[in-house]
Amino acid sequence: MKRELTEITPTGLIPLAMGVGLLIIGLKLSYSVYETVILLLLAAGIGTWLVLLLLRSPQWGLVALLVGGLAIPFEIGTGSETGLNPAIMLLPLLMGVWVFDMVALKRRISLPSSRCTLPLITLAVVSLLSFLVGQFVSTPAPFRAQLAGLALFLFSGGAFFLAAIYLRDLEWLKRISWLILAIGACYTGLWLLPIESPVAAYFPPSGATGSLFWTWVMALAAGQVLFNRKLSKGTRIVFGGLIVGILCVGFFPARTWVSGWFPPLVVLVVLVSLRTPRIMLFSSVIGGLTAVIYLPKLIQVLLSREGYSLITRLEGWEILSEIVKINPILGLGPANYYHFTSFYSIRGWYVPFNSHNNFVDIFAQIGLLGLICFIWFFWEAGRLAWRLKSKVGDGFERGYVYGAFAGLIGTLTAALFGDWVIPFVYNVGLEGFRTSVLGWVCLGGVVAIASWQSRQSLITSH
C-alpha cells in the first residue's frame, strides 16, 4: 500500500513543537549534570520523532536537506576553518533512516536498479580502502580532516541514492525542482537588485551559491523552457527571466568568477544545441570565426587576468603527479595530500596548496581507482539521461531529463575549475556540500524518472 505524505496532520506536529520549545528553554539554563541529562532526553525524543516522520514520509527529508543546505544560515563550529552546516548534518541522518528501513523493517537491501549504482558503490569501497591506507602515510592530515574528507565522498553518493529511491513519484520530483528554482530566483534577485536589505547579511548562507548552484538552477530552468511543451506561458516567462537573470549575475557582478558563470553558460549552450541544432551550428561557425580573428587579443586578456592562477595550477598539478607516485592506485587518503605539498616549491614558496581541480583532487586522494569510478559514474548517468530523452513524454519529465543531461556536462565543467562536485576539505570545505549535494540529488532524479518510466511501461504492457 502506498504511503501518502499528506496523512501528516497538524496535531502530529504538536509533540515536536513542545520538544523544541523545551529544548530551547533548556539551552538557556546553566549546564549542570541533571540539566544535561534532561537536554539529552529531550534531544533523544525529538530525534525519535524525526526518525518516525522520515520513515513515514522520507521525501520530506530531501526537502529539508535542500532547504537546510541552500537557505538556513546556521553552522556548528568545529574548531577549524569550516563548520557543520545543516546539509552535512542531515544527510547521515537520512542515510541512517534509509538503512534502518531496509535492514530492520523491510529486511532486504534495496538499491536503485540502475547502471549508476555499481560505480558509486565501488567509489565508496575505494574511498574506505584509501582512508585505511591513508592512516599509514608519513604526513597524514589530522584524523578529523580525514574523516570529513571520507564523509564527503560517502555522503555525495548517499544523496544520489536517496533521491533515486524517494523521488520516483513525479509529483515529488516536481516539488523539489520548483523549490530549487524558487531559491534560485530569490538569490538571483538579491544579486541584481540595488537594494540594501537586512537579510543580505544572512542570505545566501556562505557556501550556498557555489558553482553547482548556478549550474543546476540554469539546467532545471532552461530544460523546462526549451523542452517542456506543456509548460504554461506564464511559467515559461518566469523561468526565461530567471535564465536571463543568471546570465546577468555571471556577466556583471560576478564576471571575474569563471566557475560561477562558465558552467551555467555551457549548460545553456548544450540545451540550445539540442533544441535547435541548425541555429546552434550557424552560431558556432560565426563564433569560431570571431574567436580566430580576436584570438591574440583574447589570449593577452586571459594571461593578464588569469595568467598567474593558470601557471600556479599547472605547477601544482605537476607537483601532485610526483606526490601521488607514493600510491597511485589508492592515492594518499582523503585530505592527506595537502600536507605533503609544503615540502615542494611552487613559484619559490614552500606552502600547502590544493589542486583547484576535482579530477586531480580525486586522483590525489583516492587514486586511479577512485578517479575511474568517478568518471564511470558520470558516464553511466549521462548515458541514462541520453537514452531517456527519447522515451519520456512532452511534459515536465522531458524538460527534466534534457536539463539533467546538460547539467551533468556543466557539472563536469565545474569540476575542471575547482572541487565543486566533491568538495575538498582544505578548499571549498564542508560548507561546499551545501551546493554540491544539489548536483547529486538532481542526477538521482534521472534514475527516479527511469524507474517511473519502467513502471509505466509494465502497466501499459499488462
Foldseek 3Di string as FASTA:
>chain_A
DDQDLVVDDPVLCVVLVVLVVVLVVLVPDDDDPVSVVVNVVSVVVNLVSVLVSCLRQVLVLVVQLLCQLFPFQDFDDDVDPDTHTSNLVSLVSSLVSVVCCCCVPVNHDDFQPFPLPVLLVLLLVLQVVLQVLLVPDPFFDPPVLLVQLSSLSNSLLSLLRSLLPNCLPVVSVVVVLVVLLVSLVVVLCVLPDPDDDPCVVRPRHPQNQFLLSLLLNLLLLLLQLQFAPPDDPVSNVVSVVSNVSQQCSCVPVNVLPCSNHVLSVQLNLLLVCVRDVVVSVVVVVVVVVVCVVCVVVVVVVCCVRCVVVVQQLVVVLVVLVVVQVVPQAFANGAQTVQRVQLVDAGVNHSHGDDNQAQLSNQRNHGHPSSSVSVVSSLVRLLVLLVVCLVQDDRHSVNSLSSSLNSSSVSVNVSNGRGNQQRHGCPPSRPSSCSNNSVNSSSSSNSSSNVVSSVVVVVVVVD
